[in-house]
Amino acid sequence: MRAQSSASTSREVTAGRTKFLLILGGLSAFGPLSIDMYLPALPTIAGDYGTGAAQVQLTLTAFVIGLAFGQLVAGPLSDAYGRRRPLLIGLVAYALASVLCAFAPSVYVLTGLRLVQGFSAAAGIVIARAVVSDLFRGVAAAKFFSMLMLVSGLAPILAPVLGGQLLALTSWRGVFAVLTVFGVLLLGASVFGLPETLPADRRRHGGFGDTVRTFGSLLANRVFLGYALAGGLGFAAMFAYISGSSFVLQSVYGLSPQGFSAVFAVNAVGIVIAGQINGRLVGRVSTRKLLAIGLAMIGVGGVVLLLAAAEGLGLVGILPPLFVLVAAIGLVMPNSTALALNEQPGAAGTASALLGTLQLAIGGVTAPLVGLGGSGSAVPMAIVMAALGVLAMLAYVTLARGGRELTEEPELAQSAEATPELTH
């Protein structure tokens, strides 16, 4: 009877796989959409409010801070109250904050609203990872995280283009109107298409003290910390690329804005392609080995990039290692995430929160270092990226040694509350 039920679940689940993937991919894309779509509007916002660039850039900083700390709140709450309730509250808050941003009367009000917007957007990002961990184990989790790269990886490619086109049709306030619509659509999709995946008997009810103890145990878990730091440092290398590449490629190497956009898009497509290759290889090749390959690509790509920049080899010298380094994120992120969450299946929301916060914290701290070495060379950016790549490799080798390999047989985490539409 149990075998028949499992087979029936598997068949029904497969039919809803695309819908599930699109919903979780959309939730994972909150960050890049809310940041990248908004970047082309910064000068216009400064002009409308009659303020300087620094004040307007604080609205971006506020969003990132909200995104980081929001994950620390939403993740543990989802472990205690289930995934749906915190997610739906976060989506409602995101939509309300977005529409209020469109009518903000001053840059200071806009900054506060962006903080709220980032804080609420964090619920979608952190809970999407936790939902995958609820439903999948081992190889299946790594494969699904790889598929998410196909959806969420398109966001940084399309968001700047969409933002630029929107500014040709409407004001910057229209960008926030579109983000409001995006939030409302995801709210509706989550209400009707995403069931509860954490049953009541698996929830944590220890309150604030239990949350603090869980964070402490995660930080004390050497293997979890190794995977988290490896992924976070690798992500920070891409963060350094995002923060420095516009200046380096346009001001140092003379690319036009259109040329820079083309390079940015090609590198982003590399992430998507690497993620899909990873999804096909997981189960045939050790997940830890795939992670090590991705980290090696970042480390070696960073070192080659540094050598090419130092030797003055021009675009021909820096673009290939830059592509390799950025594309490697498609191997590093799904595997480091799946391996880290595999270490803590009983606290997926809290573990997901710590993973996301570490990524943003390390990226936020290291990104400004790109500009410290002056404005006449690509070497400072290359130094930061190479150092982060090497540190990511060291974190994996020294801390994650002895970690468990993901099981070859995927395990679907069934619950009485989870509908059979969620895939295997």
Protein backbone atom coordinates (compact mmCIF):
# COMPACT_ATOMS: atom_id res chain seq x y z
CA MET A 1 0.00 0.00 0.00
CA ARG A 2 2.80 2.38 0.93
CA ALA A 3 4.67 1.58 -2.32
CA GLN A 4 1.53 2.25 -4.36
CA SER A 5 1.01 5.58 -2.57
CA SER A 6 4.61 6.59 -3.21
CA ALA A 7 4.37 5.72 -6.91
CA SER A 8 1.10 7.65 -7.23
CA THR A 9 2.65 10.65 -5.52
CA SER A 10 5.64 10.56 -7.84
CA ARG A 11 3.41 10.54 -10.95
CA GLU A 12 1.19 13.37 -9.71
CA VAL A 13 4.16 15.38 -8.55
CA THR A 14 5.89 15.27 -11.92
CA ALA A 15 2.85 16.88 -13.55
CA GLY A 16 3.18 19.95 -11.32
CA ARG A 17 6.94 20.29 -11.57
CA THR A 18 7.05 23.27 -13.93
CA LYS A 19 4.58 25.28 -11.86
CA PHE A 20 6.53 24.57 -8.69
CA LEU A 21 9.81 25.50 -10.36
CA LEU A 22 8.43 28.80 -11.65
CA ILE A 23 7.00 29.81 -8.27
CA LEU A 24 10.18 29.04 -6.34
CA GLY A 25 12.31 30.57 -9.10
CA GLY A 26 10.23 33.74 -8.93
CA LEU A 27 10.64 33.88 -5.15
CA SER A 28 14.41 33.40 -5.54
CA ALA A 29 14.53 36.26 -8.07
CA PHE A 30 13.22 38.92 -5.67
CA GLY A 31 16.69 40.25 -4.90
CA PRO A 32 18.11 40.77 -8.41
CA LEU A 33 14.81 42.07 -9.78
CA SER A 34 14.36 44.59 -6.98
CA ILE A 35 17.96 45.80 -7.33
CA ASP A 36 18.92 45.53 -10.99
CA MET A 37 15.63 46.79 -12.45
CA TYR A 38 15.99 49.88 -10.29
CA LEU A 39 19.64 50.75 -11.02
CA PRO A 40 19.07 52.66 -14.31
CA ALA A 41 16.69 55.00 -12.46
CA LEU A 42 19.12 56.23 -9.79
CA PRO A 43 20.20 59.44 -11.61
CA THR A 44 16.58 60.30 -12.40
CA ILE A 45 15.54 59.79 -8.78
CA ALA A 46 18.34 62.09 -7.60
CA GLY A 47 17.16 64.76 -10.05
CA ASP A 48 13.50 64.45 -9.03
CA TYR A 49 14.27 64.77 -5.34
CA GLY A 50 16.96 67.43 -5.88
CA THR A 51 19.49 65.42 -3.88
CA GLY A 52 22.94 63.93 -4.41
CA ALA A 53 23.96 60.51 -5.62
CA ALA A 54 25.04 59.41 -2.13
CA GLN A 55 21.56 59.89 -0.68
CA VAL A 56 19.94 57.96 -3.51
CA GLN A 57 22.49 55.15 -3.22
CA LEU A 58 21.43 54.78 0.41
CA THR A 59 18.09 53.51 -0.88
CA LEU A 60 19.97 50.62 -2.47
CA THR A 61 21.98 50.01 0.71
CA ALA A 62 18.76 50.01 2.75
CA PHE A 63 17.26 47.33 0.53
CA VAL A 64 20.33 45.08 0.86
CA ILE A 65 20.39 45.53 4.66
CA GLY A 66 16.70 44.64 4.83
CA LEU A 67 17.29 41.62 2.62
CA ALA A 68 20.08 40.36 4.89
CA PHE A 69 18.34 40.82 8.25
CA GLY A 70 14.95 39.78 6.90
CA GLN A 71 16.32 36.32 6.19
CA LEU A 72 17.45 35.97 9.82
CA VAL A 73 13.84 36.59 10.87
CA ALA A 74 11.85 34.79 8.16
CA GLY A 75 13.93 31.59 8.21
CA PRO A 76 13.46 30.74 11.91
CA LEU A 77 9.80 31.84 11.78
CA SER A 78 9.20 29.39 8.93
CA ASP A 79 10.73 26.61 11.05
CA ALA A 80 8.32 27.45 13.88
CA TYR A 81 5.08 28.27 12.04
CA GLY A 82 5.42 26.48 8.72
CA ARG A 83 6.44 27.89 5.35
CA ARG A 84 3.19 29.36 4.05
CA ARG A 85 2.28 31.82 6.79
CA PRO A 86 5.58 33.77 6.92
CA LEU A 87 5.86 33.61 3.12
CA LEU A 88 2.40 35.05 2.47
CA ILE A 89 2.89 37.78 5.08
CA GLY A 90 6.21 38.67 3.45
CA LEU A 91 4.65 38.81 -0.02
CA VAL A 92 1.82 41.08 1.15
CA ALA A 93 4.33 43.37 2.87
CA TYR A 94 6.52 43.43 -0.27
CA ALA A 95 3.63 44.43 -2.51
CA LEU A 96 2.51 47.17 -0.09
CA ALA A 97 6.05 48.52 0.33
CA SER A 98 6.54 48.54 -3.45
CA VAL A 99 3.40 50.53 -4.16
CA LEU A 100 4.29 52.99 -1.37
CA CYS A 101 7.77 53.40 -2.90
CA ALA A 102 6.11 54.60 -6.09
CA PHE A 103 4.49 57.46 -4.14
CA ALA A 104 7.36 58.28 -1.74
CA PRO A 105 7.42 62.08 -1.23
CA SER A 106 11.12 62.29 -0.32
CA VAL A 107 14.34 60.34 -0.65
CA TYR A 108 14.30 59.69 3.11
CA VAL A 109 10.85 58.13 2.99
CA LEU A 110 11.94 56.10 -0.04
CA THR A 111 14.99 54.86 1.90
CA GLY A 112 12.80 53.66 4.78
CA LEU A 113 10.37 51.97 2.42
CA ARG A 114 13.22 50.25 0.58
CA LEU A 115 14.39 48.85 3.92
CA VAL A 116 10.90 47.41 4.48
CA GLN A 117 10.78 46.16 0.90
CA GLY A 118 14.07 44.29 1.29
CA PHE A 119 13.09 42.91 4.69
CA SER A 120 9.85 41.47 3.28
CA ALA A 121 11.47 40.23 0.04
CA ALA A 122 13.80 38.13 2.19
CA ALA A 123 10.90 35.85 3.11
CA GLY A 124 10.56 34.67 -0.48
CA ILE A 125 14.27 34.02 -0.95
CA VAL A 126 14.93 32.17 2.31
CA ILE A 127 11.69 30.15 2.31
CA ALA A 128 12.17 29.06 -1.31
CA ARG A 129 15.41 27.32 -0.27
CA ALA A 130 13.75 25.84 2.81
CA VAL A 131 10.84 24.45 0.77
CA VAL A 132 13.27 22.66 -1.54
CA SER A 133 14.99 21.19 1.53
CA ASP A 134 11.62 20.06 2.91
CA LEU A 135 10.76 18.15 -0.23
CA PHE A 136 14.08 16.87 -1.52
CA ARG A 137 17.10 15.15 -0.09
CA GLY A 138 20.54 14.42 -1.41
CA VAL A 139 21.02 14.34 -5.16
CA ALA A 140 17.42 15.40 -5.82
CA ALA A 141 17.95 18.62 -3.86
CA ALA A 142 21.13 19.48 -5.78
CA LYS A 143 19.34 18.83 -9.07
CA PHE A 144 16.43 21.04 -8.13
CA PHE A 145 18.68 23.87 -6.96
CA SER A 146 20.40 23.61 -10.34
CA MET A 147 17.05 23.94 -12.11
CA LEU A 148 16.26 27.02 -10.03
CA MET A 149 19.37 28.62 -11.53
CA LEU A 150 17.61 28.51 -14.91
CA VAL A 151 14.76 30.69 -13.61
CA SER A 152 16.47 32.90 -11.02
CA GLY A 153 19.62 33.19 -13.18
CA LEU A 154 17.65 34.98 -15.89
CA ALA A 155 16.68 37.78 -13.48
CA PRO A 156 20.03 39.65 -13.54
CA ILE A 157 20.08 39.35 -17.34
CA LEU A 158 16.59 40.68 -17.95
CA ALA A 159 16.13 43.11 -15.04
CA PRO A 160 18.49 45.91 -16.22
CA VAL A 161 17.13 45.69 -19.77
CA LEU A 162 13.53 45.75 -18.52
CA GLY A 163 14.32 48.65 -16.20
CA GLY A 164 15.85 50.65 -19.03
CA GLN A 165 12.86 50.02 -21.29
CA LEU A 166 10.43 50.96 -18.53
CA LEU A 167 12.21 54.29 -18.08
CA ALA A 168 11.66 54.98 -21.77
CA LEU A 169 7.92 54.50 -21.25
CA THR A 170 7.34 55.81 -17.75
CA SER A 171 9.08 57.43 -14.79
CA TRP A 172 11.10 55.64 -12.13
CA ARG A 173 7.89 55.34 -10.14
CA GLY A 174 6.63 53.01 -12.86
CA VAL A 175 9.47 50.60 -12.01
CA PHE A 176 8.04 50.22 -8.52
CA ALA A 177 4.58 49.75 -10.02
CA VAL A 178 5.94 46.79 -12.00
CA LEU A 179 7.59 45.39 -8.86
CA THR A 180 4.21 45.70 -7.12
CA VAL A 181 2.56 43.67 -9.87
CA PHE A 182 5.35 41.08 -9.61
CA GLY A 183 4.75 40.77 -5.86
CA VAL A 184 0.98 40.44 -6.29
CA LEU A 185 1.37 37.78 -8.98
CA LEU A 186 3.72 35.76 -6.78
CA LEU A 187 1.33 36.17 -3.86
CA GLY A 188 -1.50 34.71 -5.93
CA ALA A 189 0.70 31.91 -7.27
CA SER A 190 1.83 31.02 -3.75
CA VAL A 191 -1.70 31.07 -2.32
CA PHE A 192 -3.06 28.72 -4.97
CA GLY A 193 0.02 26.79 -6.12
CA LEU A 194 2.36 26.34 -3.16
CA PRO A 195 1.09 24.16 -0.31
CA GLU A 196 2.49 23.85 3.18
CA THR A 197 5.61 21.66 3.07
CA LEU A 198 6.57 21.58 6.76
CA PRO A 199 4.11 19.48 8.80
CA ALA A 200 3.27 20.49 12.35
CA ASP A 201 5.19 17.59 13.91
CA ARG A 202 8.44 18.79 12.31
CA ARG A 203 8.20 22.42 13.44
CA ARG A 204 10.37 23.97 16.14
CA HIS A 205 8.59 25.62 19.07
CA GLY A 206 11.41 26.68 21.37
CA GLY A 207 10.98 30.41 20.81
CA PHE A 208 13.78 32.94 20.62
CA GLY A 209 16.11 30.89 22.80
CA ASP A 210 15.81 27.89 20.51
CA THR A 211 16.53 30.10 17.49
CA VAL A 212 19.69 31.46 19.11
CA ARG A 213 20.83 27.95 20.05
CA THR A 214 20.15 26.75 16.49
CA PHE A 215 22.22 29.56 15.01
CA GLY A 216 24.98 28.70 17.49
CA SER A 217 24.94 25.02 16.57
CA LEU A 218 25.06 25.89 12.87
CA LEU A 219 28.07 28.14 13.36
CA ALA A 220 29.74 25.43 15.45
CA ASN A 221 29.17 22.79 12.78
CA ARG A 222 32.50 22.78 10.94
CA VAL A 223 31.22 21.08 7.80
CA PHE A 224 28.13 23.30 7.48
CA LEU A 225 30.29 26.37 8.00
CA GLY A 226 32.74 25.14 5.37
CA TYR A 227 30.02 24.80 2.75
CA ALA A 228 28.44 28.11 3.79
CA LEU A 229 31.72 30.03 3.61
CA ALA A 230 32.75 28.37 0.34
CA GLY A 231 29.46 29.37 -1.24
CA GLY A 232 29.46 32.81 0.40
CA LEU A 233 33.01 33.65 -0.67
CA GLY A 234 32.31 32.40 -4.19
CA PHE A 235 29.16 34.53 -4.31
CA ALA A 236 31.19 37.51 -3.03
CA ALA A 237 33.58 37.11 -5.98
CA MET A 238 30.59 37.56 -8.29
CA PHE A 239 29.44 40.50 -6.13
CA ALA A 240 32.83 42.14 -6.66
CA TYR A 241 32.41 41.59 -10.40
CA ILE A 242 28.95 43.21 -10.34
CA SER A 243 30.17 46.22 -8.36
CA GLY A 244 33.34 46.79 -10.39
CA SER A 245 32.76 45.49 -13.91
CA SER A 246 30.77 48.48 -15.18
CA PHE A 247 33.60 50.88 -14.39
CA VAL A 248 36.41 48.52 -15.46
CA LEU A 249 34.94 47.46 -18.78
CA GLN A 250 33.69 50.91 -19.80
CA SER A 251 36.19 53.36 -18.30
CA VAL A 252 39.36 51.26 -18.43
CA TYR A 253 38.75 49.18 -21.56
CA GLY A 254 36.48 51.59 -23.44
CA LEU A 255 33.38 49.46 -23.94
CA SER A 256 30.18 51.31 -24.73
CA PRO A 257 27.16 50.86 -22.43
CA GLN A 258 25.72 48.50 -25.04
CA GLY A 259 28.97 46.55 -25.17
CA PHE A 260 29.06 46.29 -21.40
CA SER A 261 25.45 45.06 -21.37
CA ALA A 262 26.36 42.38 -23.92
CA VAL A 263 29.32 41.17 -21.84
CA PHE A 264 27.20 41.21 -18.69
CA ALA A 265 24.48 39.18 -20.42
CA VAL A 266 26.93 36.61 -21.83
CA ASN A 267 28.46 36.05 -18.40
CA ALA A 268 25.01 35.71 -16.83
CA VAL A 269 24.06 33.16 -19.49
CA GLY A 270 27.21 31.29 -18.48
CA ILE A 271 25.79 30.90 -14.96
CA VAL A 272 22.56 29.46 -16.35
CA ILE A 273 24.40 27.04 -18.65
CA ALA A 274 26.72 25.86 -15.88
CA GLY A 275 23.72 25.33 -13.60
CA GLN A 276 22.02 23.13 -16.19
CA ILE A 277 25.21 21.13 -16.80
CA ASN A 278 25.47 20.66 -13.06
CA GLY A 279 21.90 19.37 -12.92
CA ARG A 280 22.71 16.73 -15.52
CA LEU A 281 25.93 15.66 -13.82
CA VAL A 282 24.61 15.46 -10.26
CA GLY A 283 24.01 11.81 -9.47
CA ARG A 284 26.64 10.69 -11.97
CA VAL A 285 29.47 12.73 -10.49
CA SER A 286 30.05 13.35 -6.78
CA THR A 287 28.35 16.54 -5.64
CA ARG A 288 31.39 17.42 -3.54
CA LYS A 289 33.57 16.96 -6.60
CA LEU A 290 31.32 19.25 -8.67
CA LEU A 291 31.52 21.87 -5.92
CA ALA A 292 35.31 21.53 -5.84
CA ILE A 293 35.45 21.97 -9.62
CA GLY A 294 33.33 25.12 -9.41
CA LEU A 295 35.50 26.56 -6.63
CA ALA A 296 38.64 25.73 -8.61
CA MET A 297 37.19 27.55 -11.61
CA ILE A 298 36.64 30.65 -9.46
CA GLY A 299 40.11 30.46 -7.92
CA VAL A 300 41.98 29.75 -11.15
CA GLY A 301 39.83 32.18 -13.12
CA GLY A 302 40.57 34.90 -10.57
CA VAL A 303 44.32 34.29 -10.67
CA VAL A 304 44.39 34.26 -14.49
CA LEU A 305 42.28 37.41 -14.52
CA LEU A 306 44.76 39.10 -12.20
CA LEU A 307 47.72 38.07 -14.35
CA ALA A 308 45.98 39.27 -17.53
CA ALA A 309 45.11 42.62 -15.95
CA ALA A 310 48.61 43.08 -14.51
CA GLU A 311 50.24 42.27 -17.86
CA GLY A 312 47.94 44.66 -19.73
CA LEU A 313 46.53 42.01 -22.09
CA GLY A 314 43.35 43.99 -22.74
CA LEU A 315 39.86 42.65 -23.28
CA VAL A 316 41.18 39.57 -25.08
CA GLY A 317 43.06 38.65 -21.93
CA ILE A 318 40.45 39.41 -19.26
CA LEU A 319 37.13 38.35 -20.82
CA PRO A 320 37.77 34.55 -20.96
CA PRO A 321 38.82 34.16 -17.29
CA LEU A 322 36.03 36.52 -16.28
CA PHE A 323 33.50 34.30 -18.06
CA VAL A 324 34.91 31.16 -16.42
CA LEU A 325 34.83 32.75 -12.97
CA VAL A 326 31.26 34.04 -13.25
CA ALA A 327 29.90 30.90 -14.91
CA ALA A 328 31.34 28.80 -12.07
CA ILE A 329 28.65 30.25 -9.79
CA GLY A 330 26.25 27.88 -11.57
CA LEU A 331 28.23 24.98 -10.10
CA VAL A 332 29.05 26.46 -6.71
CA MET A 333 25.72 27.81 -5.50
CA PRO A 334 23.40 24.80 -6.04
CA ASN A 335 25.93 22.29 -4.71
CA SER A 336 27.11 24.32 -1.70
CA THR A 337 23.48 25.05 -0.79
CA ALA A 338 22.33 21.44 -1.11
CA LEU A 339 25.33 20.11 0.83
CA ALA A 340 24.97 22.70 3.60
CA LEU A 341 21.24 22.14 4.06
CA ASN A 342 21.83 18.38 3.98
CA GLU A 343 23.85 18.83 7.17
CA GLN A 344 20.88 20.41 9.00
CA PRO A 345 17.62 18.92 7.65
CA GLY A 346 15.77 19.61 10.92
CA ALA A 347 16.24 23.39 10.75
CA ALA A 348 16.12 24.14 7.04
CA GLY A 349 14.63 27.62 7.43
CA THR A 350 17.21 28.77 9.96
CA ALA A 351 20.06 27.18 7.99
CA SER A 352 18.79 28.80 4.78
CA ALA A 353 18.66 32.17 6.58
CA LEU A 354 22.27 31.86 7.72
CA LEU A 355 23.40 30.88 4.22
CA GLY A 356 21.71 33.87 2.62
CA THR A 357 22.88 36.35 5.24
CA LEU A 358 26.49 35.16 4.99
CA GLN A 359 26.39 35.63 1.22
CA LEU A 360 25.12 39.20 1.48
CA ALA A 361 27.38 40.07 4.40
CA ILE A 362 30.58 38.83 2.78
CA GLY A 363 29.61 40.36 -0.56
CA GLY A 364 28.69 43.67 1.04
CA VAL A 365 31.96 43.90 2.97
CA THR A 366 34.25 42.95 0.08
CA ALA A 367 32.57 44.79 -2.82
CA PRO A 368 33.79 48.29 -1.73
CA LEU A 369 37.37 46.96 -1.73
CA VAL A 370 37.24 46.95 -5.53
CA GLY A 371 37.44 50.74 -5.62
CA LEU A 372 40.23 51.20 -3.09
CA GLY A 373 43.09 50.61 -5.51
CA GLY A 374 42.38 53.51 -7.81
CA SER A 375 40.45 54.05 -11.02
CA GLY A 376 42.96 53.47 -13.76
CA SER A 377 43.28 49.71 -13.83
CA ALA A 378 41.38 46.41 -13.63
CA VAL A 379 43.97 45.08 -11.17
CA PRO A 380 42.10 46.05 -7.94
CA MET A 381 38.96 44.21 -9.04
CA ALA A 382 41.03 41.23 -10.16
CA ILE A 383 42.90 41.12 -6.82
CA VAL A 384 39.65 41.05 -4.84
CA MET A 385 38.10 38.36 -7.06
CA ALA A 386 41.24 36.21 -7.03
CA ALA A 387 41.57 36.48 -3.25
CA LEU A 388 37.92 35.54 -2.72
CA GLY A 389 38.27 32.56 -5.06
CA VAL A 390 41.34 31.26 -3.24
CA LEU A 391 39.69 31.79 0.17
CA ALA A 392 36.60 29.91 -1.00
CA MET A 393 38.76 26.95 -2.00
CA LEU A 394 40.58 27.06 1.36
CA ALA A 395 37.29 27.17 3.29
CA TYR A 396 36.09 24.08 1.47
CA VAL A 397 39.34 22.13 1.85
CA THR A 398 39.94 22.97 5.51
CA LEU A 399 36.43 23.08 6.98
CA ALA A 400 34.24 20.86 4.80
CA ARG A 401 36.59 17.87 4.77
CA GLY A 402 34.82 14.73 5.91
CA GLY A 403 31.42 16.06 4.94
CA ARG A 404 28.80 13.58 3.82
CA GLU A 405 28.27 13.02 0.13
CA LEU A 406 24.70 13.45 -1.05
CA THR A 407 22.91 10.14 -1.46
CA GLU A 408 22.49 8.80 -4.95
CA GLU A 409 18.86 7.89 -4.33
CA PRO A 410 16.71 11.00 -4.03
CA GLU A 411 14.39 11.12 -1.07
CA LEU A 412 11.08 12.96 -1.26
CA ALA A 413 10.15 14.41 2.12
CA GLN A 414 6.46 13.54 2.26
CA SER A 415 3.98 15.12 4.65
CA ALA A 416 0.26 14.85 5.13
CA GLU A 417 -0.03 18.59 4.56
CA ALA A 418 1.99 18.70 1.35
CA THR A 419 -0.01 18.12 -1.79
CA PRO A 420 1.28 15.52 -4.25
CA GLU A 421 1.90 18.16 -6.91
CA LEU A 422 5.40 18.85 -5.59
CA THR A 423 7.91 17.09 -7.61
CA HIS A 424 10.46 14.40 -7.35
